[in-house]
Amino acid sequence: MKFCDKCGKPLLIENEIAKCSCGYQEKATPLNSKEKIQEPIQKGKGVAKDLEIDQGFPHLCKKCGHEFAEVTDLGVFWSDESSVYLFKCKKCHNTEREAYGSSNM
């Protein structure tokens, strides 16, 4: 995409001429048809690929001692902190918050 040298708006290409609403015009260069679009990156199955979906993520509940939980990643709130995770027990539904390496515990 090209932009106008006068006002900075995007140029509209018509008949090999790039035009702007302010009146600026220039010759448009044709697109290079030899460029290839990169193939999308193949993503893996994830960390818990061997677990059954109904079973849950391995996490020991502090309330009832059950070994599996549902995980929710709340992300990062500040750039110098780690992510915050919520672990919801599959048995008693107790939710625990963990944020390794920060003061959000």
N, C-alpha and C. Protein backbone atom coordinates (compact mmCIF):
# COMPACT_ATOMS: atom_id res chain seq x y z
N MET A 1 0.85 -1.16 0.00
CA MET A 1 0.00 0.00 0.00
C MET A 1 0.90 1.23 0.00
N LYS A 2 0.53 2.18 -0.82
CA LYS A 2 1.29 3.42 -0.89
C LYS A 2 0.45 4.54 -0.31
N PHE A 3 1.15 5.59 0.17
CA PHE A 3 0.48 6.72 0.77
C PHE A 3 0.87 8.00 0.05
N CYS A 4 -0.01 8.99 0.10
CA CYS A 4 0.19 10.28 -0.55
C CYS A 4 1.38 11.02 0.08
N ASP A 5 2.23 11.61 -0.80
CA ASP A 5 3.37 12.38 -0.31
C ASP A 5 2.94 13.73 0.26
N LYS A 6 1.76 14.22 -0.15
CA LYS A 6 1.28 15.53 0.33
C LYS A 6 0.54 15.43 1.66
N CYS A 7 -0.48 14.56 1.68
CA CYS A 7 -1.36 14.54 2.87
C CYS A 7 -1.25 13.26 3.70
N GLY A 8 -0.65 12.19 3.17
CA GLY A 8 -0.46 10.97 3.93
C GLY A 8 -1.60 9.97 3.85
N LYS A 9 -2.65 10.28 3.07
CA LYS A 9 -3.78 9.35 2.93
C LYS A 9 -3.39 8.20 2.01
N PRO A 10 -4.07 7.05 2.11
CA PRO A 10 -3.79 5.94 1.21
C PRO A 10 -4.15 6.30 -0.23
N LEU A 11 -3.32 5.85 -1.18
CA LEU A 11 -3.57 6.12 -2.59
C LEU A 11 -4.47 5.06 -3.18
N LEU A 12 -5.38 5.47 -4.09
CA LEU A 12 -6.28 4.57 -4.79
C LEU A 12 -5.69 4.34 -6.17
N ILE A 13 -5.46 3.08 -6.55
CA ILE A 13 -4.83 2.76 -7.82
C ILE A 13 -5.90 2.48 -8.86
N GLU A 14 -5.89 3.27 -9.96
CA GLU A 14 -6.80 3.11 -11.09
C GLU A 14 -6.00 3.20 -12.37
N ASN A 15 -6.06 2.16 -13.22
CA ASN A 15 -5.39 2.15 -14.52
C ASN A 15 -3.90 2.51 -14.40
N GLU A 16 -3.19 1.88 -13.51
CA GLU A 16 -1.76 2.05 -13.29
C GLU A 16 -1.38 3.47 -12.85
N ILE A 17 -2.34 4.22 -12.31
CA ILE A 17 -2.08 5.55 -11.76
C ILE A 17 -2.61 5.57 -10.33
N ALA A 18 -1.75 5.96 -9.39
CA ALA A 18 -2.14 6.06 -7.99
C ALA A 18 -2.62 7.48 -7.74
N LYS A 19 -3.88 7.61 -7.27
CA LYS A 19 -4.49 8.92 -7.07
C LYS A 19 -4.88 9.10 -5.62
N CYS A 20 -4.87 10.39 -5.19
CA CYS A 20 -5.30 10.76 -3.85
C CYS A 20 -6.45 11.75 -3.97
N SER A 21 -7.26 11.84 -2.93
CA SER A 21 -8.39 12.77 -2.93
C SER A 21 -7.94 14.23 -2.90
N CYS A 22 -6.69 14.50 -2.54
CA CYS A 22 -6.18 15.87 -2.50
C CYS A 22 -5.67 16.32 -3.87
N GLY A 23 -5.65 15.40 -4.86
CA GLY A 23 -5.22 15.75 -6.20
C GLY A 23 -3.86 15.21 -6.59
N TYR A 24 -3.12 14.66 -5.67
CA TYR A 24 -1.81 14.11 -5.96
C TYR A 24 -1.95 12.85 -6.80
N GLN A 25 -1.05 12.67 -7.81
CA GLN A 25 -1.05 11.49 -8.65
C GLN A 25 0.39 11.04 -8.88
N GLU A 26 0.55 9.75 -9.08
CA GLU A 26 1.85 9.20 -9.46
C GLU A 26 1.62 7.90 -10.19
N LYS A 27 2.62 7.46 -10.96
CA LYS A 27 2.51 6.21 -11.68
C LYS A 27 2.64 5.06 -10.68
N ALA A 28 1.73 4.11 -10.79
CA ALA A 28 1.72 2.97 -9.87
C ALA A 28 2.59 1.86 -10.43
N THR A 29 3.38 1.26 -9.58
CA THR A 29 4.19 0.13 -10.01
C THR A 29 3.34 -1.13 -9.93
N PRO A 30 3.47 -2.02 -10.93
CA PRO A 30 2.66 -3.24 -10.90
C PRO A 30 3.10 -4.16 -9.77
N LEU A 31 2.18 -4.99 -9.34
CA LEU A 31 2.48 -5.95 -8.28
C LEU A 31 3.40 -7.02 -8.83
N ASN A 32 4.28 -7.51 -8.02
CA ASN A 32 5.20 -8.57 -8.40
C ASN A 32 4.49 -9.91 -8.25
N SER A 33 4.18 -10.55 -9.38
CA SER A 33 3.43 -11.80 -9.32
C SER A 33 4.30 -12.99 -8.95
N LYS A 34 5.63 -12.80 -8.88
CA LYS A 34 6.52 -13.90 -8.54
C LYS A 34 6.62 -14.12 -7.04
N GLU A 35 6.10 -13.18 -6.25
CA GLU A 35 6.14 -13.35 -4.80
C GLU A 35 5.20 -14.47 -4.39
N LYS A 36 5.64 -15.26 -3.44
CA LYS A 36 4.83 -16.37 -2.96
C LYS A 36 4.30 -16.04 -1.57
N ILE A 37 3.09 -16.47 -1.34
CA ILE A 37 2.49 -16.32 -0.01
C ILE A 37 3.03 -17.44 0.86
N GLN A 38 3.48 -17.08 2.04
CA GLN A 38 4.03 -18.08 2.94
C GLN A 38 2.94 -19.02 3.43
N GLU A 39 3.31 -20.28 3.54
CA GLU A 39 2.38 -21.27 4.06
C GLU A 39 2.18 -21.02 5.55
N PRO A 40 0.96 -21.23 6.07
CA PRO A 40 0.75 -21.04 7.51
C PRO A 40 1.58 -22.03 8.32
N ILE A 41 2.01 -21.59 9.48
CA ILE A 41 2.82 -22.43 10.37
C ILE A 41 1.93 -23.52 10.95
N GLN A 42 2.41 -24.74 10.89
CA GLN A 42 1.67 -25.86 11.45
C GLN A 42 1.81 -25.83 12.97
N LYS A 43 0.69 -25.78 13.65
CA LYS A 43 0.71 -25.74 15.11
C LYS A 43 0.64 -27.15 15.67
N GLY A 44 1.27 -27.34 16.81
CA GLY A 44 1.26 -28.64 17.47
C GLY A 44 -0.06 -28.88 18.19
N LYS A 45 -0.13 -30.00 18.85
CA LYS A 45 -1.34 -30.37 19.56
C LYS A 45 -1.40 -29.76 20.95
N GLY A 46 -0.32 -29.16 21.42
CA GLY A 46 -0.33 -28.51 22.72
C GLY A 46 0.39 -29.31 23.78
N VAL A 47 0.43 -28.74 24.96
CA VAL A 47 1.16 -29.34 26.07
C VAL A 47 0.45 -30.58 26.59
N ALA A 48 -0.85 -30.52 26.69
CA ALA A 48 -1.62 -31.61 27.28
C ALA A 48 -2.21 -32.52 26.22
N LYS A 49 -1.43 -32.84 25.17
CA LYS A 49 -1.96 -33.60 24.04
C LYS A 49 -2.28 -35.06 24.40
N ASP A 50 -1.64 -35.62 25.40
CA ASP A 50 -1.88 -37.01 25.75
C ASP A 50 -3.02 -37.19 26.75
N LEU A 51 -3.55 -36.11 27.28
CA LEU A 51 -4.62 -36.21 28.28
C LEU A 51 -5.98 -36.34 27.61
N GLU A 52 -6.87 -37.01 28.27
CA GLU A 52 -8.26 -37.04 27.83
C GLU A 52 -8.87 -35.68 28.11
N ILE A 53 -9.75 -35.20 27.24
CA ILE A 53 -10.34 -33.87 27.41
C ILE A 53 -11.22 -33.82 28.66
N ASP A 54 -11.94 -34.89 28.95
CA ASP A 54 -12.80 -34.91 30.13
C ASP A 54 -12.00 -34.96 31.43
N GLN A 55 -10.80 -35.47 31.36
CA GLN A 55 -9.98 -35.64 32.55
C GLN A 55 -9.52 -34.30 33.11
N GLY A 56 -9.05 -33.39 32.29
CA GLY A 56 -8.60 -32.08 32.75
C GLY A 56 -7.09 -31.97 32.82
N PHE A 57 -6.62 -30.84 33.29
CA PHE A 57 -5.20 -30.55 33.41
C PHE A 57 -4.71 -31.04 34.77
N PRO A 58 -3.52 -31.68 34.83
CA PRO A 58 -3.05 -32.18 36.12
C PRO A 58 -2.69 -31.05 37.08
N HIS A 59 -3.48 -30.93 38.15
CA HIS A 59 -3.27 -29.91 39.19
C HIS A 59 -3.92 -30.42 40.47
N LEU A 60 -3.18 -30.42 41.56
CA LEU A 60 -3.68 -30.93 42.83
C LEU A 60 -4.49 -29.84 43.54
N CYS A 61 -5.76 -30.11 43.80
CA CYS A 61 -6.65 -29.16 44.48
C CYS A 61 -6.25 -29.07 45.95
N LYS A 62 -6.11 -27.86 46.46
CA LYS A 62 -5.73 -27.66 47.87
C LYS A 62 -6.90 -27.90 48.82
N LYS A 63 -8.12 -27.90 48.31
CA LYS A 63 -9.30 -28.08 49.15
C LYS A 63 -9.68 -29.55 49.30
N CYS A 64 -9.81 -30.27 48.16
CA CYS A 64 -10.28 -31.66 48.24
C CYS A 64 -9.23 -32.68 47.83
N GLY A 65 -8.11 -32.26 47.24
CA GLY A 65 -7.06 -33.18 46.86
C GLY A 65 -7.24 -33.84 45.50
N HIS A 66 -8.27 -33.44 44.76
CA HIS A 66 -8.48 -34.00 43.42
C HIS A 66 -7.31 -33.59 42.51
N GLU A 67 -6.97 -34.44 41.56
CA GLU A 67 -5.75 -34.25 40.78
C GLU A 67 -5.92 -33.51 39.47
N PHE A 68 -7.15 -33.14 39.07
CA PHE A 68 -7.33 -32.51 37.77
C PHE A 68 -8.19 -31.25 37.86
N ALA A 69 -7.89 -30.30 36.97
CA ALA A 69 -8.59 -29.01 37.00
C ALA A 69 -8.74 -28.46 35.59
N GLU A 70 -9.64 -27.50 35.44
CA GLU A 70 -9.76 -26.72 34.21
C GLU A 70 -8.87 -25.49 34.37
N VAL A 71 -8.15 -25.11 33.33
CA VAL A 71 -7.21 -24.00 33.41
C VAL A 71 -7.70 -22.83 32.57
N THR A 72 -7.61 -21.62 33.15
CA THR A 72 -7.90 -20.39 32.43
C THR A 72 -6.69 -19.48 32.57
N ASP A 73 -6.19 -19.00 31.44
CA ASP A 73 -5.04 -18.09 31.44
C ASP A 73 -5.58 -16.67 31.36
N LEU A 74 -5.36 -15.87 32.41
CA LEU A 74 -5.82 -14.48 32.42
C LEU A 74 -4.84 -13.54 31.74
N GLY A 75 -3.67 -14.03 31.40
CA GLY A 75 -2.68 -13.22 30.70
C GLY A 75 -1.82 -12.40 31.65
N VAL A 76 -1.17 -11.38 31.07
CA VAL A 76 -0.24 -10.53 31.81
C VAL A 76 -0.90 -9.17 32.02
N PHE A 77 -0.85 -8.67 33.24
CA PHE A 77 -1.42 -7.36 33.53
C PHE A 77 -0.40 -6.25 33.37
N TRP A 78 0.84 -6.51 33.75
CA TRP A 78 1.92 -5.55 33.62
C TRP A 78 3.07 -6.25 32.92
N SER A 79 3.90 -5.50 32.21
CA SER A 79 4.93 -6.12 31.38
C SER A 79 6.00 -6.85 32.18
N ASP A 80 6.20 -6.52 33.43
CA ASP A 80 7.25 -7.18 34.21
C ASP A 80 6.72 -8.33 35.06
N GLU A 81 5.49 -8.76 34.83
CA GLU A 81 4.91 -9.85 35.59
C GLU A 81 4.70 -11.07 34.70
N SER A 82 4.52 -12.22 35.32
CA SER A 82 4.21 -13.42 34.57
C SER A 82 2.69 -13.54 34.41
N SER A 83 2.26 -14.50 33.63
CA SER A 83 0.83 -14.71 33.41
C SER A 83 0.14 -15.17 34.70
N VAL A 84 -1.15 -14.91 34.80
CA VAL A 84 -1.96 -15.34 35.93
C VAL A 84 -2.86 -16.47 35.44
N TYR A 85 -2.87 -17.58 36.19
CA TYR A 85 -3.66 -18.75 35.82
C TYR A 85 -4.71 -19.04 36.89
N LEU A 86 -5.90 -19.45 36.45
CA LEU A 86 -6.94 -19.92 37.35
C LEU A 86 -7.11 -21.42 37.15
N PHE A 87 -7.07 -22.18 38.23
CA PHE A 87 -7.26 -23.62 38.20
C PHE A 87 -8.58 -23.93 38.91
N LYS A 88 -9.58 -24.41 38.17
CA LYS A 88 -10.88 -24.76 38.74
C LYS A 88 -10.96 -26.28 38.86
N CYS A 89 -11.08 -26.76 40.10
CA CYS A 89 -11.11 -28.19 40.38
C CYS A 89 -12.29 -28.85 39.65
N LYS A 90 -12.03 -30.01 39.03
CA LYS A 90 -13.08 -30.72 38.30
C LYS A 90 -14.06 -31.42 39.24
N LYS A 91 -13.67 -31.59 40.52
CA LYS A 91 -14.52 -32.30 41.46
C LYS A 91 -15.34 -31.34 42.33
N CYS A 92 -14.67 -30.43 43.06
CA CYS A 92 -15.38 -29.56 44.02
C CYS A 92 -15.57 -28.13 43.48
N HIS A 93 -15.04 -27.83 42.30
CA HIS A 93 -15.16 -26.52 41.64
C HIS A 93 -14.50 -25.38 42.41
N ASN A 94 -13.56 -25.71 43.30
CA ASN A 94 -12.78 -24.69 43.99
C ASN A 94 -11.83 -24.05 42.97
N THR A 95 -11.72 -22.72 42.98
CA THR A 95 -10.85 -22.03 42.04
C THR A 95 -9.64 -21.47 42.76
N GLU A 96 -8.46 -21.80 42.24
CA GLU A 96 -7.20 -21.31 42.80
C GLU A 96 -6.51 -20.43 41.77
N ARG A 97 -5.92 -19.36 42.24
CA ARG A 97 -5.21 -18.42 41.37
C ARG A 97 -3.71 -18.58 41.59
N GLU A 98 -2.96 -18.70 40.49
CA GLU A 98 -1.52 -18.83 40.59
C GLU A 98 -0.86 -17.89 39.59
N ALA A 99 0.15 -17.18 40.08
CA ALA A 99 0.92 -16.26 39.24
C ALA A 99 2.37 -16.41 39.64
N TYR A 100 3.07 -17.29 38.97
CA TYR A 100 4.45 -17.57 39.31
C TYR A 100 5.33 -16.38 38.99
N GLY A 101 6.18 -15.99 39.91
CA GLY A 101 7.15 -14.95 39.67
C GLY A 101 6.63 -13.55 39.80
N SER A 102 5.45 -13.35 40.37
CA SER A 102 4.95 -11.98 40.57
C SER A 102 4.30 -11.88 41.93
N SER A 103 3.84 -10.71 42.26
CA SER A 103 3.22 -10.49 43.57
C SER A 103 1.72 -10.59 43.52
N ASN A 104 1.14 -11.27 42.51
CA ASN A 104 -0.31 -11.38 42.36
C ASN A 104 -0.90 -12.60 43.01
N MET A 105 -0.19 -13.30 43.85
CA MET A 105 -0.71 -14.55 44.39
C MET A 105 -1.74 -14.33 45.45
